[in-house]
Amino acid sequence: TAALNGPDLPEWVAPLGLIVPGQLLTEALARRLGIDPDAPRGLNKVTQTD
């Protein structure tokens, strides 16, 4: 069991205060697992101009 501590906010607005810490946690976990969060599998970042 794990918990992500966030700012002391009312319950109805607390998810907004956890967005950035949640993203940082996800990035750290991906890097620890050897996954590049800037190049996810199955996503091609290609811009084509005509």
PDB file of N, CA and C in Angstrom:
ATOM      1  N   THR A   1       0.845  -1.175   0.000  1.00  0.00           N
ATOM      2  CA  THR A   1       0.000   0.000   0.000  1.00  0.00           C
ATOM      3  C   THR A   1       0.888   1.233   0.000  1.00  0.00           C
ATOM      4  N   ALA A   2       0.550   2.167  -0.863  1.00  0.00           N
ATOM      5  CA  ALA A   2       1.307   3.411  -0.942  1.00  0.00           C
ATOM      6  C   ALA A   2       0.344   4.581  -0.964  1.00  0.00           C
ATOM      7  N   ALA A   3       0.817   5.694  -0.492  1.00  0.00           N
ATOM      8  CA  ALA A   3       0.001   6.909  -0.497  1.00  0.00           C
ATOM      9  C   ALA A   3       0.839   8.055  -1.028  1.00  0.00           C
ATOM     10  N   LEU A   4       0.182   8.947  -1.719  1.00  0.00           N
ATOM     11  CA  LEU A   4       0.845  10.129  -2.248  1.00  0.00           C
ATOM     12  C   LEU A   4       0.340  11.322  -1.453  1.00  0.00           C
ATOM     13  N   ASN A   5       1.209  11.847  -0.599  1.00  0.00           N
ATOM     14  CA  ASN A   5       0.809  12.991   0.218  1.00  0.00           C
ATOM     15  C   ASN A   5       0.726  14.240  -0.638  1.00  0.00           C
ATOM     16  N   GLY A   6      -0.300  15.006  -0.416  1.00  0.00           N
ATOM     17  CA  GLY A   6      -0.482  16.230  -1.174  1.00  0.00           C
ATOM     18  C   GLY A   6      -0.740  17.394  -0.239  1.00  0.00           C
ATOM     19  N   PRO A   7      -1.077  18.518  -0.811  1.00  0.00           N
ATOM     20  CA  PRO A   7      -1.350  19.695   0.006  1.00  0.00           C
ATOM     21  C   PRO A   7      -2.637  19.511   0.816  1.00  0.00           C
ATOM     22  N   ASP A   8      -2.739  20.255   1.896  1.00  0.00           N
ATOM     23  CA  ASP A   8      -3.916  20.193   2.757  1.00  0.00           C
ATOM     24  C   ASP A   8      -5.019  21.043   2.133  1.00  0.00           C
ATOM     25  N   LEU A   9      -5.864  20.387   1.330  1.00  0.00           N
ATOM     26  CA  LEU A   9      -6.938  21.075   0.615  1.00  0.00           C
ATOM     27  C   LEU A   9      -8.261  20.400   0.922  1.00  0.00           C
ATOM     28  N   PRO A  10      -9.377  21.102   0.697  1.00  0.00           N
ATOM     29  CA  PRO A  10     -10.682  20.446   0.835  1.00  0.00           C
ATOM     30  C   PRO A  10     -10.783  19.265  -0.128  1.00  0.00           C
ATOM     31  N   GLU A  11     -11.555  18.269   0.258  1.00  0.00           N
ATOM     32  CA  GLU A  11     -11.645  17.031  -0.528  1.00  0.00           C
ATOM     33  C   GLU A  11     -12.062  17.262  -1.970  1.00  0.00           C
ATOM     34  N   TRP A  12     -12.953  18.201  -2.214  1.00  0.00           N
ATOM     35  CA  TRP A  12     -13.471  18.407  -3.570  1.00  0.00           C
ATOM     36  C   TRP A  12     -12.433  19.005  -4.515  1.00  0.00           C
ATOM     37  N   VAL A  13     -11.395  19.650  -3.988  1.00  0.00           N
ATOM     38  CA  VAL A  13     -10.372  20.249  -4.848  1.00  0.00           C
ATOM     39  C   VAL A  13      -9.019  19.528  -4.716  1.00  0.00           C
ATOM     40  N   ALA A  14      -8.925  18.572  -3.813  1.00  0.00           N
ATOM     41  CA  ALA A  14      -7.663  17.864  -3.577  1.00  0.00           C
ATOM     42  C   ALA A  14      -7.086  17.201  -4.832  1.00  0.00           C
ATOM     43  N   PRO A  15      -7.901  16.596  -5.722  1.00  0.00           N
ATOM     44  CA  PRO A  15      -7.301  15.990  -6.921  1.00  0.00           C
ATOM     45  C   PRO A  15      -6.495  16.977  -7.760  1.00  0.00           C
ATOM     46  N   LEU A  16      -6.903  18.224  -7.782  1.00  0.00           N
ATOM     47  CA  LEU A  16      -6.146  19.226  -8.552  1.00  0.00           C
ATOM     48  C   LEU A  16      -4.760  19.441  -7.954  1.00  0.00           C
ATOM     49  N   GLY A  17      -4.658  19.350  -6.636  1.00  0.00           N
ATOM     50  CA  GLY A  17      -3.370  19.524  -5.977  1.00  0.00           C
ATOM     51  C   GLY A  17      -2.452  18.326  -6.114  1.00  0.00           C
ATOM     52  N   LEU A  18      -2.980  17.203  -6.590  1.00  0.00           N
ATOM     53  CA  LEU A  18      -2.170  15.989  -6.741  1.00  0.00           C
ATOM     54  C   LEU A  18      -1.752  15.714  -8.177  1.00  0.00           C
ATOM     55  N   ILE A  19      -2.155  16.550  -9.107  1.00  0.00           N
ATOM     56  CA  ILE A  19      -1.846  16.303 -10.518  1.00  0.00           C
ATOM     57  C   ILE A  19      -0.340  16.294 -10.761  1.00  0.00           C
ATOM     58  N   VAL A  20       0.348  17.360 -10.382  1.00  0.00           N
ATOM     59  CA  VAL A  20       1.794  17.442 -10.647  1.00  0.00           C
ATOM     60  C   VAL A  20       2.573  16.407  -9.839  1.00  0.00           C
ATOM     61  N   PRO A  21       2.313  16.247  -8.519  1.00  0.00           N
ATOM     62  CA  PRO A  21       3.043  15.179  -7.813  1.00  0.00           C
ATOM     63  C   PRO A  21       2.783  13.794  -8.413  1.00  0.00           C
ATOM     64  N   GLY A  22       1.581  13.545  -8.895  1.00  0.00           N
ATOM     65  CA  GLY A  22       1.279  12.264  -9.528  1.00  0.00           C
ATOM     66  C   GLY A  22       2.064  12.074 -10.811  1.00  0.00           C
ATOM     67  N   GLN A  23       2.188  13.143 -11.589  1.00  0.00           N
ATOM     68  CA  GLN A  23       2.966  13.059 -12.827  1.00  0.00           C
ATOM     69  C   GLN A  23       4.442  12.830 -12.526  1.00  0.00           C
ATOM     70  N   LEU A  24       4.958  13.484 -11.499  1.00  0.00           N
ATOM     71  CA  LEU A  24       6.363  13.287 -11.127  1.00  0.00           C
ATOM     72  C   LEU A  24       6.602  11.862 -10.629  1.00  0.00           C
ATOM     73  N   LEU A  25       5.658  11.322  -9.871  1.00  0.00           N
ATOM     74  CA  LEU A  25       5.770   9.939  -9.404  1.00  0.00           C
ATOM     75  C   LEU A  25       5.774   8.973 -10.577  1.00  0.00           C
ATOM     76  N   THR A  26       4.888   9.198 -11.534  1.00  0.00           N
ATOM     77  CA  THR A  26       4.811   8.334 -12.706  1.00  0.00           C
ATOM     78  C   THR A  26       6.087   8.401 -13.532  1.00  0.00           C
ATOM     79  N   GLU A  27       6.637   9.594 -13.693  1.00  0.00           N
ATOM     80  CA  GLU A  27       7.888   9.729 -14.445  1.00  0.00           C
ATOM     81  C   GLU A  27       9.025   8.998 -13.745  1.00  0.00           C
ATOM     82  N   ALA A  28       9.131   9.164 -12.434  1.00  0.00           N
ATOM     83  CA  ALA A  28      10.199   8.503 -11.684  1.00  0.00           C
ATOM     84  C   ALA A  28      10.060   6.983 -11.766  1.00  0.00           C
ATOM     85  N   LEU A  29       8.843   6.480 -11.680  1.00  0.00           N
ATOM     86  CA  LEU A  29       8.619   5.041 -11.780  1.00  0.00           C
ATOM     87  C   LEU A  29       8.998   4.521 -13.159  1.00  0.00           C
ATOM     88  N   ALA A  30       8.610   5.243 -14.197  1.00  0.00           N
ATOM     89  CA  ALA A  30       8.954   4.824 -15.559  1.00  0.00           C
ATOM     90  C   ALA A  30      10.461   4.772 -15.746  1.00  0.00           C
ATOM     91  N   ARG A  31      11.144   5.790 -15.277  1.00  0.00           N
ATOM     92  CA  ARG A  31      12.606   5.814 -15.435  1.00  0.00           C
ATOM     93  C   ARG A  31      13.265   4.687 -14.641  1.00  0.00           C
ATOM     94  N   ARG A  32      12.733   4.393 -13.446  1.00  0.00           N
ATOM     95  CA  ARG A  32      13.287   3.305 -12.635  1.00  0.00           C
ATOM     96  C   ARG A  32      13.107   1.959 -13.329  1.00  0.00           C
ATOM     97  N   LEU A  33      12.003   1.820 -14.064  1.00  0.00           N
ATOM     98  CA  LEU A  33      11.746   0.577 -14.796  1.00  0.00           C
ATOM     99  C   LEU A  33      12.457   0.534 -16.142  1.00  0.00           C
ATOM    100  N   GLY A  34      13.207   1.598 -16.473  1.00  0.00           N
ATOM    101  CA  GLY A  34      13.951   1.625 -17.728  1.00  0.00           C
ATOM    102  C   GLY A  34      13.118   2.026 -18.928  1.00  0.00           C
ATOM    103  N   ILE A  35      11.989   2.683 -18.679  1.00  0.00           N
ATOM    104  CA  ILE A  35      11.109   3.129 -19.757  1.00  0.00           C
ATOM    105  C   ILE A  35      11.337   4.614 -19.977  1.00  0.00           C
ATOM    106  N   ASP A  36      11.473   5.016 -21.230  1.00  0.00           N
ATOM    107  CA  ASP A  36      11.644   6.429 -21.542  1.00  0.00           C
ATOM    108  C   ASP A  36      10.263   7.087 -21.633  1.00  0.00           C
ATOM    109  N   PRO A  37       9.891   7.925 -20.666  1.00  0.00           N
ATOM    110  CA  PRO A  37       8.562   8.525 -20.690  1.00  0.00           C
ATOM    111  C   PRO A  37       8.358   9.508 -21.843  1.00  0.00           C
ATOM    112  N   ASP A  38       9.434   9.932 -22.476  1.00  0.00           N
ATOM    113  CA  ASP A  38       9.320  10.851 -23.607  1.00  0.00           C
ATOM    114  C   ASP A  38       9.153  10.117 -24.932  1.00  0.00           C
ATOM    115  N   ALA A  39       9.265   8.807 -24.920  1.00  0.00           N
ATOM    116  CA  ALA A  39       9.100   8.007 -26.142  1.00  0.00           C
ATOM    117  C   ALA A  39       8.319   6.743 -25.806  1.00  0.00           C
ATOM    118  N   PRO A  40       7.025   6.891 -25.491  1.00  0.00           N
ATOM    119  CA  PRO A  40       6.248   5.703 -25.131  1.00  0.00           C
ATOM    120  C   PRO A  40       6.091   4.729 -26.300  1.00  0.00           C
ATOM    121  N   ARG A  41       6.028   3.461 -25.965  1.00  0.00           N
ATOM    122  CA  ARG A  41       5.869   2.402 -26.965  1.00  0.00           C
ATOM    123  C   ARG A  41       4.540   2.598 -27.697  1.00  0.00           C
ATOM    124  N   GLY A  42       4.572   2.473 -29.008  1.00  0.00           N
ATOM    125  CA  GLY A  42       3.348   2.568 -29.797  1.00  0.00           C
ATOM    126  C   GLY A  42       2.932   3.976 -30.157  1.00  0.00           C
ATOM    127  N   LEU A  43       3.712   4.977 -29.780  1.00  0.00           N
ATOM    128  CA  LEU A  43       3.366   6.354 -30.110  1.00  0.00           C
ATOM    129  C   LEU A  43       4.460   6.945 -30.984  1.00  0.00           C
ATOM    130  N   ASN A  44       4.103   7.330 -32.185  1.00  0.00           N
ATOM    131  CA  ASN A  44       5.045   7.973 -33.096  1.00  0.00           C
ATOM    132  C   ASN A  44       4.777   9.462 -33.106  1.00  0.00           C
ATOM    133  N   LYS A  45       5.783  10.232 -32.787  1.00  0.00           N
ATOM    134  CA  LYS A  45       5.644  11.680 -32.784  1.00  0.00           C
ATOM    135  C   LYS A  45       6.236  12.214 -34.099  1.00  0.00           C
ATOM    136  N   VAL A  46       5.400  12.247 -35.097  1.00  0.00           N
ATOM    137  CA  VAL A  46       5.838  12.685 -36.421  1.00  0.00           C
ATOM    138  C   VAL A  46       4.939  13.823 -36.874  1.00  0.00           C
ATOM    139  N   THR A  47       5.546  14.887 -37.304  1.00  0.00           N
ATOM    140  CA  THR A  47       4.795  16.002 -37.871  1.00  0.00           C
ATOM    141  C   THR A  47       5.111  16.064 -39.356  1.00  0.00           C
ATOM    142  N   GLN A  48       4.073  15.966 -40.156  1.00  0.00           N
ATOM    143  CA  GLN A  48       4.261  16.032 -41.594  1.00  0.00           C
ATOM    144  C   GLN A  48       3.708  17.340 -42.120  1.00  0.00           C
ATOM    145  N   THR A  49       4.488  18.001 -42.933  1.00  0.00           N
ATOM    146  CA  THR A  49       4.022  19.221 -43.591  1.00  0.00           C
ATOM    147  C   THR A  49       4.105  19.019 -45.083  1.00  0.00           C
ATOM    148  N   ASP A  50       3.158  19.573 -45.771  1.00  0.00           N
ATOM    149  CA  ASP A  50       3.118  19.435 -47.229  1.00  0.00           C
ATOM    150  C   ASP A  50       3.683  20.650 -47.906  1.00  0.00           C
TER     151      ASP A  50
END
